[in-house]
Amino acid sequence: MKLGLHKEGNNVIPIFFIIIAVVLYGLHFFIPFEGIGMYALIILDLSGLIFFGLVVYFFRYPIFIVQKNHNQFLSPADGEIVVVEKVMETEYYNEERLQVSIFMSPFNTHMNRYPIDGKISYFKYHPGKFLVAWHPKSSTLNERATFVLENETTSVLLRQIAGAVARRIRWYNNEGDEIEQGDQLGFIKFGSRVDLFLPLSAEVNVELNQQVRAGKTVIASLK
């Protein structure tokens, strides 16, 4: 699979590179490159390179052609299904909905995609706490961004949620914008969660602990 480097890493990656380079240079200046010091510096250099590699790896994203289907809700994120249940959605619909939640670990790609075609009929950013992303109350207490996506056949609420490590949510469209299934919705840095609130008429195609892929895995289908 072809991979790209996401634009959200354009500022972060150089900053980490400079910090790591300065720290390692300082260590080489103060620790003599002989005896035990030599082995310590080699280990520290390798650790710095590995850490920098992980930072670059975090901002990768797969490049592929999305197979669109107007009768399906595609996964908005890479990660693991941690919630599949009927709940009362109170921010917008004020009715029962099927909630499907995806937890993104630091090792998943963190670019989010739109699950359906349509229009953003509602958007709201909520400042909040930074509970761990799998906490039951993270959906309503954590920093988050809520989208309602609608088209002629269905409506779905999508929520980006910051976690204990992820403290920056990015989104690329606002209320009133037309969007396409599989296009980039936004990015959440360093571990997070995405919730979907589907109509009760939808047929859920995933189960707990299942690994899903943004723009590829079918989360649910319209009956």
N, C-alpha and C. Protein backbone atom coordinates (compact mmCIF):
# COMPACT_ATOMS: atom_id res chain seq x y z
N MET A 1 0.84 -1.20 0.00
CA MET A 1 0.00 0.00 0.00
C MET A 1 0.88 1.26 0.00
N LYS A 2 0.50 2.22 -0.81
CA LYS A 2 1.26 3.46 -0.89
C LYS A 2 0.94 4.34 0.32
N LEU A 3 1.98 4.92 0.93
CA LEU A 3 1.81 5.77 2.10
C LEU A 3 2.26 7.19 1.80
N GLY A 4 1.59 8.15 2.42
CA GLY A 4 1.99 9.54 2.33
C GLY A 4 2.29 10.09 3.71
N LEU A 5 2.87 11.28 3.77
CA LEU A 5 3.15 11.95 5.04
C LEU A 5 2.14 13.08 5.18
N HIS A 6 1.33 13.02 6.23
CA HIS A 6 0.23 13.97 6.38
C HIS A 6 0.74 15.37 6.67
N LYS A 7 0.00 16.37 6.17
CA LYS A 7 0.39 17.77 6.34
C LYS A 7 0.44 18.21 7.80
N GLU A 8 -0.30 17.50 8.68
CA GLU A 8 -0.28 17.86 10.10
C GLU A 8 1.09 17.63 10.73
N GLY A 9 1.94 16.86 10.04
CA GLY A 9 3.28 16.63 10.55
C GLY A 9 4.30 17.65 10.07
N ASN A 10 3.89 18.57 9.19
CA ASN A 10 4.84 19.51 8.60
C ASN A 10 5.55 20.38 9.62
N ASN A 11 4.85 20.75 10.70
CA ASN A 11 5.47 21.57 11.74
C ASN A 11 6.02 20.72 12.88
N VAL A 12 5.31 19.64 13.21
CA VAL A 12 5.70 18.82 14.36
C VAL A 12 7.00 18.08 14.12
N ILE A 13 7.16 17.49 12.94
CA ILE A 13 8.34 16.68 12.66
C ILE A 13 9.63 17.50 12.73
N PRO A 14 9.72 18.68 12.10
CA PRO A 14 10.96 19.48 12.24
C PRO A 14 11.26 19.88 13.68
N ILE A 15 10.21 20.18 14.46
CA ILE A 15 10.42 20.57 15.87
C ILE A 15 11.03 19.41 16.65
N PHE A 16 10.48 18.21 16.47
CA PHE A 16 11.04 17.04 17.16
C PHE A 16 12.47 16.77 16.70
N PHE A 17 12.73 16.95 15.41
CA PHE A 17 14.08 16.72 14.88
C PHE A 17 15.08 17.67 15.55
N ILE A 18 14.72 18.94 15.66
CA ILE A 18 15.62 19.93 16.27
C ILE A 18 15.86 19.61 17.75
N ILE A 19 14.78 19.28 18.46
CA ILE A 19 14.91 18.97 19.90
C ILE A 19 15.82 17.76 20.10
N ILE A 20 15.58 16.70 19.34
CA ILE A 20 16.39 15.48 19.49
C ILE A 20 17.84 15.75 19.11
N ALA A 21 18.06 16.51 18.03
CA ALA A 21 19.42 16.81 17.59
C ALA A 21 20.17 17.63 18.64
N VAL A 22 19.50 18.63 19.22
CA VAL A 22 20.14 19.48 20.23
C VAL A 22 20.48 18.66 21.48
N VAL A 23 19.54 17.82 21.91
CA VAL A 23 19.79 17.00 23.10
C VAL A 23 20.96 16.05 22.87
N LEU A 24 20.97 15.38 21.73
CA LEU A 24 22.06 14.43 21.45
C LEU A 24 23.40 15.15 21.30
N TYR A 25 23.38 16.32 20.67
CA TYR A 25 24.62 17.09 20.54
C TYR A 25 25.15 17.48 21.92
N GLY A 26 24.25 17.90 22.80
CA GLY A 26 24.66 18.26 24.15
C GLY A 26 25.24 17.08 24.90
N LEU A 27 24.63 15.91 24.73
CA LEU A 27 25.15 14.72 25.41
C LEU A 27 26.54 14.36 24.89
N HIS A 28 26.75 14.50 23.59
CA HIS A 28 28.08 14.21 23.02
C HIS A 28 29.12 15.21 23.52
N PHE A 29 28.67 16.41 23.83
CA PHE A 29 29.59 17.45 24.30
C PHE A 29 30.05 17.17 25.74
N PHE A 30 29.13 16.62 26.55
CA PHE A 30 29.44 16.43 27.97
C PHE A 30 29.91 15.02 28.32
N ILE A 31 29.54 14.02 27.51
CA ILE A 31 29.93 12.64 27.81
C ILE A 31 31.10 12.25 26.92
N PRO A 32 32.22 11.83 27.49
CA PRO A 32 33.38 11.45 26.67
C PRO A 32 33.08 10.20 25.85
N PHE A 33 33.52 10.22 24.60
CA PHE A 33 33.26 9.09 23.70
C PHE A 33 34.35 8.03 23.88
N GLU A 34 34.34 7.42 25.05
CA GLU A 34 35.31 6.38 25.37
C GLU A 34 34.77 5.53 26.51
N GLY A 35 35.19 4.28 26.56
CA GLY A 35 34.75 3.38 27.62
C GLY A 35 33.24 3.24 27.68
N ILE A 36 32.71 3.29 28.90
CA ILE A 36 31.26 3.16 29.11
C ILE A 36 30.52 4.31 28.44
N GLY A 37 31.13 5.50 28.44
CA GLY A 37 30.50 6.66 27.82
C GLY A 37 30.22 6.44 26.35
N MET A 38 31.13 5.75 25.66
CA MET A 38 30.94 5.48 24.23
C MET A 38 29.69 4.62 24.00
N TYR A 39 29.55 3.56 24.81
CA TYR A 39 28.39 2.68 24.66
C TYR A 39 27.09 3.41 25.03
N ALA A 40 27.18 4.25 26.05
CA ALA A 40 26.00 5.01 26.46
C ALA A 40 25.55 5.96 25.34
N LEU A 41 26.51 6.62 24.69
CA LEU A 41 26.18 7.54 23.61
C LEU A 41 25.59 6.81 22.41
N ILE A 42 26.12 5.64 22.11
CA ILE A 42 25.59 4.86 20.99
C ILE A 42 24.13 4.48 21.26
N ILE A 43 23.86 4.04 22.50
CA ILE A 43 22.49 3.67 22.86
C ILE A 43 21.57 4.88 22.79
N LEU A 44 22.04 6.02 23.29
CA LEU A 44 21.23 7.24 23.27
C LEU A 44 20.98 7.71 21.84
N ASP A 45 21.99 7.62 20.99
CA ASP A 45 21.82 8.02 19.59
C ASP A 45 20.78 7.14 18.90
N LEU A 46 20.88 5.84 19.13
CA LEU A 46 19.92 4.91 18.52
C LEU A 46 18.51 5.16 19.06
N SER A 47 18.41 5.44 20.35
CA SER A 47 17.10 5.72 20.95
C SER A 47 16.49 6.97 20.34
N GLY A 48 17.33 7.99 20.15
CA GLY A 48 16.85 9.23 19.53
C GLY A 48 16.36 9.01 18.11
N LEU A 49 17.10 8.20 17.34
CA LEU A 49 16.70 7.91 15.97
C LEU A 49 15.39 7.12 15.93
N ILE A 50 15.27 6.15 16.83
CA ILE A 50 14.04 5.34 16.88
C ILE A 50 12.85 6.22 17.25
N PHE A 51 13.04 7.08 18.25
CA PHE A 51 11.94 7.96 18.67
C PHE A 51 11.53 8.89 17.54
N PHE A 52 12.50 9.45 16.84
CA PHE A 52 12.19 10.33 15.72
C PHE A 52 11.47 9.56 14.61
N GLY A 53 11.91 8.32 14.38
CA GLY A 53 11.24 7.49 13.38
C GLY A 53 9.79 7.23 13.74
N LEU A 54 9.51 7.04 15.04
CA LEU A 54 8.13 6.81 15.48
C LEU A 54 7.27 8.06 15.28
N VAL A 55 7.87 9.24 15.50
CA VAL A 55 7.13 10.49 15.28
C VAL A 55 6.75 10.61 13.81
N VAL A 56 7.71 10.35 12.92
CA VAL A 56 7.43 10.41 11.48
C VAL A 56 6.37 9.36 11.11
N TYR A 57 6.51 8.16 11.67
CA TYR A 57 5.58 7.06 11.39
C TYR A 57 4.16 7.42 11.80
N PHE A 58 4.01 8.17 12.88
CA PHE A 58 2.68 8.55 13.35
C PHE A 58 1.91 9.35 12.31
N PHE A 59 2.60 10.17 11.53
CA PHE A 59 1.94 11.06 10.58
C PHE A 59 1.77 10.44 9.18
N ARG A 60 1.99 9.14 9.08
CA ARG A 60 1.76 8.47 7.80
C ARG A 60 0.26 8.36 7.54
N TYR A 61 -0.10 8.18 6.29
CA TYR A 61 -1.49 7.84 5.98
C TYR A 61 -1.52 7.09 4.65
N PRO A 62 -2.42 6.12 4.52
CA PRO A 62 -2.50 5.32 3.30
C PRO A 62 -3.16 6.10 2.16
N ILE A 63 -2.64 5.93 0.97
CA ILE A 63 -3.20 6.57 -0.22
C ILE A 63 -3.89 5.49 -1.05
N PHE A 64 -5.18 5.63 -1.26
CA PHE A 64 -5.93 4.64 -2.04
C PHE A 64 -7.21 5.28 -2.57
N ILE A 65 -7.84 4.61 -3.50
CA ILE A 65 -9.10 5.08 -4.07
C ILE A 65 -10.24 4.49 -3.24
N VAL A 66 -11.07 5.36 -2.68
CA VAL A 66 -12.19 4.91 -1.85
C VAL A 66 -13.29 4.32 -2.74
N GLN A 67 -13.74 3.12 -2.38
CA GLN A 67 -14.85 2.48 -3.09
C GLN A 67 -16.16 2.98 -2.47
N LYS A 68 -16.76 3.98 -3.09
CA LYS A 68 -17.94 4.62 -2.51
C LYS A 68 -19.18 3.77 -2.69
N ASN A 69 -20.05 3.83 -1.67
CA ASN A 69 -21.33 3.15 -1.73
C ASN A 69 -22.32 3.97 -0.90
N HIS A 70 -23.34 4.51 -1.52
CA HIS A 70 -24.26 5.41 -0.84
C HIS A 70 -25.17 4.69 0.15
N ASN A 71 -25.14 3.37 0.16
CA ASN A 71 -25.94 2.61 1.12
C ASN A 71 -25.12 2.13 2.31
N GLN A 72 -23.89 2.61 2.41
CA GLN A 72 -23.00 2.15 3.48
C GLN A 72 -22.39 3.33 4.24
N PHE A 73 -22.09 3.07 5.52
CA PHE A 73 -21.33 4.01 6.35
C PHE A 73 -19.92 3.45 6.46
N LEU A 74 -18.95 4.12 5.85
CA LEU A 74 -17.57 3.66 5.93
C LEU A 74 -16.93 4.12 7.23
N SER A 75 -15.93 3.39 7.67
CA SER A 75 -15.25 3.76 8.91
C SER A 75 -14.58 5.12 8.77
N PRO A 76 -14.76 6.00 9.76
CA PRO A 76 -14.11 7.30 9.72
C PRO A 76 -12.68 7.28 10.25
N ALA A 77 -12.25 6.13 10.81
CA ALA A 77 -10.94 6.10 11.46
C ALA A 77 -10.36 4.69 11.43
N ASP A 78 -9.04 4.62 11.53
CA ASP A 78 -8.35 3.36 11.78
C ASP A 78 -8.40 3.09 13.28
N GLY A 79 -8.56 1.83 13.67
CA GLY A 79 -8.52 1.54 15.10
C GLY A 79 -9.33 0.32 15.47
N GLU A 80 -9.73 0.28 16.74
CA GLU A 80 -10.45 -0.86 17.30
C GLU A 80 -11.85 -0.44 17.75
N ILE A 81 -12.83 -1.26 17.43
CA ILE A 81 -14.20 -1.00 17.87
C ILE A 81 -14.29 -1.26 19.37
N VAL A 82 -14.68 -0.22 20.13
CA VAL A 82 -14.75 -0.35 21.59
C VAL A 82 -16.17 -0.19 22.12
N VAL A 83 -17.09 0.30 21.30
CA VAL A 83 -18.48 0.44 21.71
C VAL A 83 -19.39 0.11 20.53
N VAL A 84 -20.38 -0.74 20.77
CA VAL A 84 -21.48 -0.97 19.83
C VAL A 84 -22.73 -1.12 20.68
N GLU A 85 -23.55 -0.07 20.75
CA GLU A 85 -24.73 -0.14 21.62
C GLU A 85 -25.75 0.93 21.24
N LYS A 86 -26.97 0.70 21.70
CA LYS A 86 -28.04 1.68 21.51
C LYS A 86 -27.98 2.67 22.67
N VAL A 87 -27.97 3.97 22.34
CA VAL A 87 -27.87 5.01 23.37
C VAL A 87 -28.83 6.15 23.04
N MET A 88 -29.03 7.03 24.01
CA MET A 88 -29.78 8.26 23.79
C MET A 88 -28.78 9.35 23.39
N GLU A 89 -28.90 9.87 22.19
CA GLU A 89 -28.01 10.94 21.73
C GLU A 89 -28.67 12.27 22.07
N THR A 90 -27.99 13.10 22.87
CA THR A 90 -28.63 14.29 23.43
C THR A 90 -28.12 15.63 22.89
N GLU A 91 -27.04 15.62 22.13
CA GLU A 91 -26.52 16.91 21.65
C GLU A 91 -27.32 17.46 20.48
N TYR A 92 -27.78 16.59 19.59
CA TYR A 92 -28.44 17.06 18.37
C TYR A 92 -29.79 16.39 18.13
N TYR A 93 -29.81 15.06 18.10
CA TYR A 93 -31.03 14.35 17.72
C TYR A 93 -32.06 14.26 18.85
N ASN A 94 -31.58 14.12 20.09
CA ASN A 94 -32.47 13.88 21.24
C ASN A 94 -33.36 12.67 20.99
N GLU A 95 -32.74 11.61 20.55
CA GLU A 95 -33.44 10.35 20.30
C GLU A 95 -32.44 9.20 20.41
N GLU A 96 -32.96 7.98 20.43
CA GLU A 96 -32.07 6.82 20.48
C GLU A 96 -31.35 6.65 19.16
N ARG A 97 -30.07 6.27 19.28
CA ARG A 97 -29.23 6.05 18.11
C ARG A 97 -28.33 4.85 18.39
N LEU A 98 -27.76 4.29 17.33
CA LEU A 98 -26.78 3.22 17.47
C LEU A 98 -25.39 3.85 17.53
N GLN A 99 -24.72 3.69 18.66
CA GLN A 99 -23.38 4.25 18.81
C GLN A 99 -22.33 3.20 18.46
N VAL A 100 -21.41 3.58 17.59
CA VAL A 100 -20.24 2.76 17.28
C VAL A 100 -19.02 3.63 17.51
N SER A 101 -18.12 3.19 18.39
CA SER A 101 -16.95 4.00 18.75
C SER A 101 -15.67 3.28 18.36
N ILE A 102 -14.72 4.06 17.85
CA ILE A 102 -13.44 3.52 17.37
C ILE A 102 -12.31 4.17 18.17
N PHE A 103 -11.52 3.34 18.84
CA PHE A 103 -10.36 3.85 19.58
C PHE A 103 -9.13 3.77 18.70
N MET A 104 -8.41 4.89 18.60
CA MET A 104 -7.18 4.96 17.82
C MET A 104 -5.99 5.01 18.77
N SER A 105 -5.17 3.99 18.75
CA SER A 105 -3.96 3.98 19.56
C SER A 105 -2.90 4.84 18.87
N PRO A 106 -1.81 5.18 19.57
CA PRO A 106 -0.75 5.96 18.92
C PRO A 106 -0.14 5.27 17.71
N PHE A 107 -0.40 3.98 17.53
CA PHE A 107 0.18 3.25 16.40
C PHE A 107 -0.74 3.20 15.18
N ASN A 108 -1.98 3.69 15.34
CA ASN A 108 -2.88 3.78 14.20
C ASN A 108 -2.63 5.07 13.44
N THR A 109 -3.04 5.10 12.16
CA THR A 109 -3.04 6.38 11.45
C THR A 109 -4.18 7.21 12.02
N HIS A 110 -3.98 8.53 12.12
CA HIS A 110 -4.94 9.38 12.83
C HIS A 110 -5.67 10.36 11.93
N MET A 111 -5.59 10.16 10.63
CA MET A 111 -6.40 10.95 9.72
C MET A 111 -7.82 10.39 9.71
N ASN A 112 -8.81 11.25 9.84
CA ASN A 112 -10.21 10.83 9.83
C ASN A 112 -10.84 11.11 8.47
N ARG A 113 -11.82 10.27 8.10
CA ARG A 113 -12.50 10.39 6.81
C ARG A 113 -14.01 10.46 7.00
N TYR A 114 -14.69 11.05 6.02
CA TYR A 114 -16.15 11.13 6.08
C TYR A 114 -16.77 9.77 5.77
N PRO A 115 -17.73 9.33 6.58
CA PRO A 115 -18.34 8.01 6.36
C PRO A 115 -19.38 7.99 5.25
N ILE A 116 -19.94 9.17 4.91
CA ILE A 116 -20.97 9.24 3.86
C ILE A 116 -20.76 10.50 3.02
N ASP A 117 -21.44 10.55 1.88
CA ASP A 117 -21.57 11.79 1.11
C ASP A 117 -22.62 12.67 1.76
N GLY A 118 -22.60 13.96 1.44
CA GLY A 118 -23.68 14.82 1.92
C GLY A 118 -23.23 16.22 2.25
N LYS A 119 -23.82 16.74 3.31
CA LYS A 119 -23.59 18.12 3.73
C LYS A 119 -23.44 18.15 5.25
N ILE A 120 -22.57 19.04 5.75
CA ILE A 120 -22.43 19.22 7.19
C ILE A 120 -23.55 20.17 7.63
N SER A 121 -24.57 19.60 8.27
CA SER A 121 -25.73 20.41 8.67
C SER A 121 -25.56 21.00 10.07
N TYR A 122 -24.58 20.47 10.82
CA TYR A 122 -24.34 20.97 12.19
C TYR A 122 -22.88 20.72 12.53
N PHE A 123 -22.26 21.71 13.18
CA PHE A 123 -20.89 21.54 13.67
C PHE A 123 -20.73 22.33 14.96
N LYS A 124 -20.05 21.72 15.93
CA LYS A 124 -19.75 22.44 17.17
C LYS A 124 -18.48 21.87 17.80
N TYR A 125 -17.60 22.79 18.20
CA TYR A 125 -16.38 22.41 18.92
C TYR A 125 -16.62 22.61 20.41
N HIS A 126 -16.24 21.59 21.22
CA HIS A 126 -16.44 21.64 22.67
C HIS A 126 -15.08 21.55 23.37
N PRO A 127 -14.64 22.59 24.07
CA PRO A 127 -13.47 22.43 24.94
C PRO A 127 -13.84 21.44 26.05
N GLY A 128 -12.86 20.78 26.63
CA GLY A 128 -13.20 19.82 27.67
C GLY A 128 -12.00 19.21 28.34
N LYS A 129 -12.23 18.07 28.99
CA LYS A 129 -11.18 17.37 29.73
C LYS A 129 -10.37 16.48 28.78
N PHE A 130 -9.44 15.74 29.38
CA PHE A 130 -8.60 14.83 28.60
C PHE A 130 -8.55 13.46 29.28
N LEU A 131 -9.75 12.88 29.49
CA LEU A 131 -9.82 11.52 30.03
C LEU A 131 -9.27 10.56 28.98
N VAL A 132 -8.86 9.37 29.42
CA VAL A 132 -8.42 8.37 28.44
C VAL A 132 -9.55 8.13 27.46
N ALA A 133 -9.20 7.91 26.19
CA ALA A 133 -10.20 7.90 25.12
C ALA A 133 -11.23 6.79 25.27
N TRP A 134 -10.86 5.69 25.97
CA TRP A 134 -11.83 4.59 26.11
C TRP A 134 -12.74 4.76 27.33
N HIS A 135 -12.56 5.84 28.08
CA HIS A 135 -13.42 6.10 29.24
C HIS A 135 -14.85 6.32 28.77
N PRO A 136 -15.86 5.72 29.44
CA PRO A 136 -17.25 5.85 29.00
C PRO A 136 -17.73 7.30 28.88
N LYS A 137 -17.20 8.21 29.72
CA LYS A 137 -17.66 9.59 29.70
C LYS A 137 -16.83 10.50 28.80
N SER A 138 -15.82 9.94 28.12
CA SER A 138 -14.99 10.78 27.26
C SER A 138 -15.79 11.39 26.12
N SER A 139 -16.86 10.70 25.70
CA SER A 139 -17.68 11.18 24.59
C SER A 139 -18.39 12.49 24.91
N THR A 140 -18.63 12.74 26.21
CA THR A 140 -19.37 13.95 26.59
C THR A 140 -18.56 14.92 27.44
N LEU A 141 -17.42 14.48 27.99
CA LEU A 141 -16.63 15.35 28.87
C LEU A 141 -15.33 15.83 28.24
N ASN A 142 -14.77 15.06 27.31
CA ASN A 142 -13.48 15.43 26.73
C ASN A 142 -13.61 16.54 25.68
N GLU A 143 -12.47 17.15 25.36
CA GLU A 143 -12.44 18.06 24.21
C GLU A 143 -12.89 17.28 22.98
N ARG A 144 -13.77 17.88 22.18
CA ARG A 144 -14.35 17.13 21.07
C ARG A 144 -14.91 18.08 20.01
N ALA A 145 -15.10 17.53 18.83
CA ALA A 145 -15.73 18.27 17.72
C ALA A 145 -16.85 17.39 17.17
N THR A 146 -18.04 17.96 17.07
CA THR A 146 -19.22 17.20 16.63
C THR A 146 -19.67 17.66 15.25
N PHE A 147 -19.90 16.69 14.37
CA PHE A 147 -20.42 16.95 13.03
C PHE A 147 -21.73 16.17 12.86
N VAL A 148 -22.71 16.77 12.22
CA VAL A 148 -23.87 16.02 11.74
C VAL A 148 -23.82 16.06 10.22
N LEU A 149 -23.78 14.88 9.62
CA LEU A 149 -23.68 14.73 8.17
C LEU A 149 -25.01 14.22 7.65
N GLU A 150 -25.54 14.88 6.63
CA GLU A 150 -26.85 14.50 6.12
C GLU A 150 -26.84 14.45 4.60
N ASN A 151 -27.63 13.53 4.05
CA ASN A 151 -27.91 13.51 2.62
C ASN A 151 -29.38 13.16 2.42
N GLU A 152 -29.78 12.85 1.21
CA GLU A 152 -31.20 12.64 0.93
C GLU A 152 -31.76 11.36 1.55
N THR A 153 -30.88 10.46 2.01
CA THR A 153 -31.36 9.18 2.53
C THR A 153 -31.08 8.94 4.01
N THR A 154 -30.10 9.65 4.59
CA THR A 154 -29.74 9.34 5.98
C THR A 154 -29.06 10.51 6.65
N SER A 155 -28.83 10.35 7.95
CA SER A 155 -28.16 11.37 8.76
C SER A 155 -27.35 10.65 9.83
N VAL A 156 -26.13 11.13 10.08
CA VAL A 156 -25.26 10.50 11.07
C VAL A 156 -24.50 11.59 11.83
N LEU A 157 -24.35 11.39 13.13
CA LEU A 157 -23.54 12.30 13.94
C LEU A 157 -22.17 11.65 14.14
N LEU A 158 -21.13 12.42 13.87
CA LEU A 158 -19.75 11.96 14.05
C LEU A 158 -19.07 12.88 15.05
N ARG A 159 -18.33 12.28 15.98
CA ARG A 159 -17.67 13.07 17.01
C ARG A 159 -16.19 12.69 17.11
N GLN A 160 -15.31 13.66 16.90
CA GLN A 160 -13.88 13.49 17.15
C GLN A 160 -13.63 13.79 18.63
N ILE A 161 -12.91 12.90 19.31
CA ILE A 161 -12.70 13.06 20.75
C ILE A 161 -11.21 13.01 21.07
N ALA A 162 -10.72 14.02 21.78
CA ALA A 162 -9.33 14.01 22.23
C ALA A 162 -9.19 13.06 23.40
N GLY A 163 -8.00 12.47 23.56
CA GLY A 163 -7.74 11.55 24.66
C GLY A 163 -6.76 12.12 25.66
N ALA A 164 -6.21 11.26 26.50
CA ALA A 164 -5.27 11.70 27.53
C ALA A 164 -3.97 12.20 26.92
N VAL A 165 -3.60 11.63 25.77
CA VAL A 165 -2.37 12.04 25.08
C VAL A 165 -2.69 13.00 23.95
N ALA A 166 -3.76 12.68 23.20
CA ALA A 166 -4.15 13.54 22.08
C ALA A 166 -4.80 14.81 22.61
N ARG A 167 -4.20 15.94 22.35
CA ARG A 167 -4.73 17.20 22.88
C ARG A 167 -4.88 18.24 21.78
N ARG A 168 -5.04 17.75 20.56
CA ARG A 168 -5.27 18.69 19.48
C ARG A 168 -6.11 18.04 18.40
N ILE A 169 -7.31 18.58 18.20
CA ILE A 169 -8.21 18.09 17.16
C ILE A 169 -8.17 19.07 16.00
N ARG A 170 -8.05 18.54 14.80
CA ARG A 170 -8.08 19.38 13.60
C ARG A 170 -9.21 18.92 12.70
N TRP A 171 -9.92 19.88 12.10
CA TRP A 171 -10.95 19.55 11.12
C TRP A 171 -10.81 20.50 9.94
N TYR A 172 -11.28 20.07 8.76
CA TYR A 172 -11.01 20.80 7.53
C TYR A 172 -12.25 21.38 6.86
N ASN A 173 -13.42 21.16 7.44
CA ASN A 173 -14.66 21.71 6.89
C ASN A 173 -15.52 22.24 8.02
N ASN A 174 -16.52 23.03 7.66
CA ASN A 174 -17.42 23.60 8.66
C ASN A 174 -18.87 23.47 8.22
N GLU A 175 -19.76 23.89 9.08
CA GLU A 175 -21.19 23.77 8.83
C GLU A 175 -21.56 24.40 7.48
N GLY A 176 -22.35 23.65 6.71
CA GLY A 176 -22.79 24.12 5.40
C GLY A 176 -21.99 23.58 4.25
N ASP A 177 -20.81 23.01 4.52
CA ASP A 177 -19.95 22.50 3.45
C ASP A 177 -20.48 21.18 2.90
N GLU A 178 -20.32 21.00 1.59
CA GLU A 178 -20.61 19.72 0.96
C GLU A 178 -19.39 18.81 1.13
N ILE A 179 -19.64 17.54 1.43
CA ILE A 179 -18.53 16.61 1.65
C ILE A 179 -18.77 15.32 0.87
N GLU A 180 -17.70 14.57 0.64
CA GLU A 180 -17.79 13.31 -0.09
C GLU A 180 -17.28 12.16 0.76
N GLN A 181 -17.90 11.03 0.59
CA GLN A 181 -17.53 9.82 1.34
C GLN A 181 -16.06 9.49 1.12
N GLY A 182 -15.33 9.30 2.21
CA GLY A 182 -13.93 8.92 2.14
C GLY A 182 -12.95 10.07 2.10
N ASP A 183 -13.44 11.31 1.89
CA ASP A 183 -12.53 12.45 1.89
C ASP A 183 -12.03 12.75 3.30
N GLN A 184 -10.94 13.51 3.38
CA GLN A 184 -10.37 13.84 4.68
C GLN A 184 -11.30 14.74 5.49
N LEU A 185 -11.60 14.31 6.70
CA LEU A 185 -12.40 15.10 7.63
C LEU A 185 -11.49 15.92 8.56
N GLY A 186 -10.43 15.28 9.04
CA GLY A 186 -9.54 15.96 9.97
C GLY A 186 -8.49 15.02 10.51
N PHE A 187 -7.92 15.40 11.64
CA PHE A 187 -6.79 14.67 12.21
C PHE A 187 -6.80 14.88 13.73
N ILE A 188 -6.50 13.83 14.48
CA ILE A 188 -6.36 13.94 15.94
C ILE A 188 -4.98 13.42 16.31
N LYS A 189 -4.21 14.22 17.02
CA LYS A 189 -2.81 13.88 17.26
C LYS A 189 -2.60 13.03 18.51
N PHE A 190 -1.92 11.90 18.31
CA PHE A 190 -1.37 11.06 19.38
C PHE A 190 -2.41 10.37 20.26
N GLY A 191 -3.26 9.55 19.67
CA GLY A 191 -4.17 8.71 20.45
C GLY A 191 -5.51 9.37 20.70
N SER A 192 -6.61 8.74 20.33
CA SER A 192 -7.89 9.42 20.40
C SER A 192 -9.03 8.45 20.07
N ARG A 193 -10.22 9.03 19.79
CA ARG A 193 -11.40 8.20 19.55
C ARG A 193 -12.37 8.94 18.63
N VAL A 194 -13.13 8.16 17.85
CA VAL A 194 -14.18 8.72 17.01
C VAL A 194 -15.47 7.94 17.29
N ASP A 195 -16.56 8.68 17.53
CA ASP A 195 -17.87 8.07 17.75
C ASP A 195 -18.76 8.33 16.54
N LEU A 196 -19.56 7.34 16.19
CA LEU A 196 -20.62 7.49 15.20
C LEU A 196 -21.95 7.21 15.88
N PHE A 197 -22.96 8.04 15.58
CA PHE A 197 -24.31 7.80 16.08
C PHE A 197 -25.21 7.61 14.86
N LEU A 198 -25.53 6.35 14.62
CA LEU A 198 -26.23 5.93 13.41
C LEU A 198 -27.73 5.81 13.66
N PRO A 199 -28.55 5.89 12.60
CA PRO A 199 -29.99 5.66 12.77
C PRO A 199 -30.26 4.22 13.21
N LEU A 200 -31.33 4.03 13.97
CA LEU A 200 -31.67 2.69 14.46
C LEU A 200 -31.95 1.72 13.32
N SER A 201 -32.31 2.26 12.17
CA SER A 201 -32.61 1.40 11.02
C SER A 201 -31.36 0.83 10.35
N ALA A 202 -30.18 1.34 10.73
CA ALA A 202 -28.94 0.86 10.12
C ALA A 202 -28.59 -0.53 10.62
N GLU A 203 -27.99 -1.32 9.77
CA GLU A 203 -27.53 -2.66 10.13
C GLU A 203 -26.02 -2.61 10.38
N VAL A 204 -25.63 -2.78 11.64
CA VAL A 204 -24.21 -2.69 12.02
C VAL A 204 -23.46 -3.91 11.50
N ASN A 205 -22.31 -3.68 10.86
CA ASN A 205 -21.53 -4.76 10.26
C ASN A 205 -20.23 -5.06 11.00
N VAL A 206 -20.03 -4.43 12.16
CA VAL A 206 -18.79 -4.66 12.92
C VAL A 206 -19.15 -5.14 14.32
N GLU A 207 -18.13 -5.62 15.04
CA GLU A 207 -18.35 -6.10 16.41
C GLU A 207 -17.23 -5.61 17.31
N LEU A 208 -17.42 -5.74 18.61
CA LEU A 208 -16.43 -5.29 19.57
C LEU A 208 -15.07 -5.92 19.33
N ASN A 209 -14.03 -5.12 19.52
CA ASN A 209 -12.62 -5.53 19.40
C ASN A 209 -12.17 -5.74 17.96
N GLN A 210 -13.04 -5.48 17.01
CA GLN A 210 -12.65 -5.63 15.60
C GLN A 210 -11.77 -4.46 15.17
N GLN A 211 -10.75 -4.75 14.38
CA GLN A 211 -9.90 -3.71 13.81
C GLN A 211 -10.54 -3.20 12.52
N VAL A 212 -10.61 -1.88 12.38
CA VAL A 212 -11.24 -1.29 11.20
C VAL A 212 -10.27 -0.31 10.53
N ARG A 213 -10.55 0.01 9.26
CA ARG A 213 -9.70 0.91 8.49
C ARG A 213 -10.53 2.04 7.90
N ALA A 214 -10.05 3.26 8.08
CA ALA A 214 -10.77 4.44 7.59
C ALA A 214 -10.95 4.38 6.08
N GLY A 215 -12.18 4.62 5.63
CA GLY A 215 -12.47 4.65 4.21
C GLY A 215 -12.54 3.30 3.55
N LYS A 216 -12.37 2.22 4.33
CA LYS A 216 -12.40 0.87 3.77
C LYS A 216 -13.43 -0.03 4.45
N THR A 217 -13.36 -0.12 5.78
CA THR A 217 -14.27 -1.01 6.51
C THR A 217 -15.69 -0.44 6.51
N VAL A 218 -16.66 -1.29 6.22
CA VAL A 218 -18.06 -0.89 6.27
C VAL A 218 -18.55 -1.03 7.71
N ILE A 219 -18.84 0.09 8.34
CA ILE A 219 -19.31 0.09 9.73
C ILE A 219 -20.76 -0.37 9.80
N ALA A 220 -21.58 0.13 8.89
CA ALA A 220 -23.01 -0.22 8.88
C ALA A 220 -23.57 -0.01 7.49
N SER A 221 -24.74 -0.61 7.26
CA SER A 221 -25.42 -0.49 5.97
C SER A 221 -26.85 -0.02 6.19
N LEU A 222 -27.38 0.67 5.21
CA LEU A 222 -28.79 1.06 5.26
C LEU A 222 -29.65 -0.12 4.86
N LYS A 223 -30.70 -0.37 5.63
CA LYS A 223 -31.59 -1.48 5.31
C LYS A 223 -32.55 -1.08 4.19
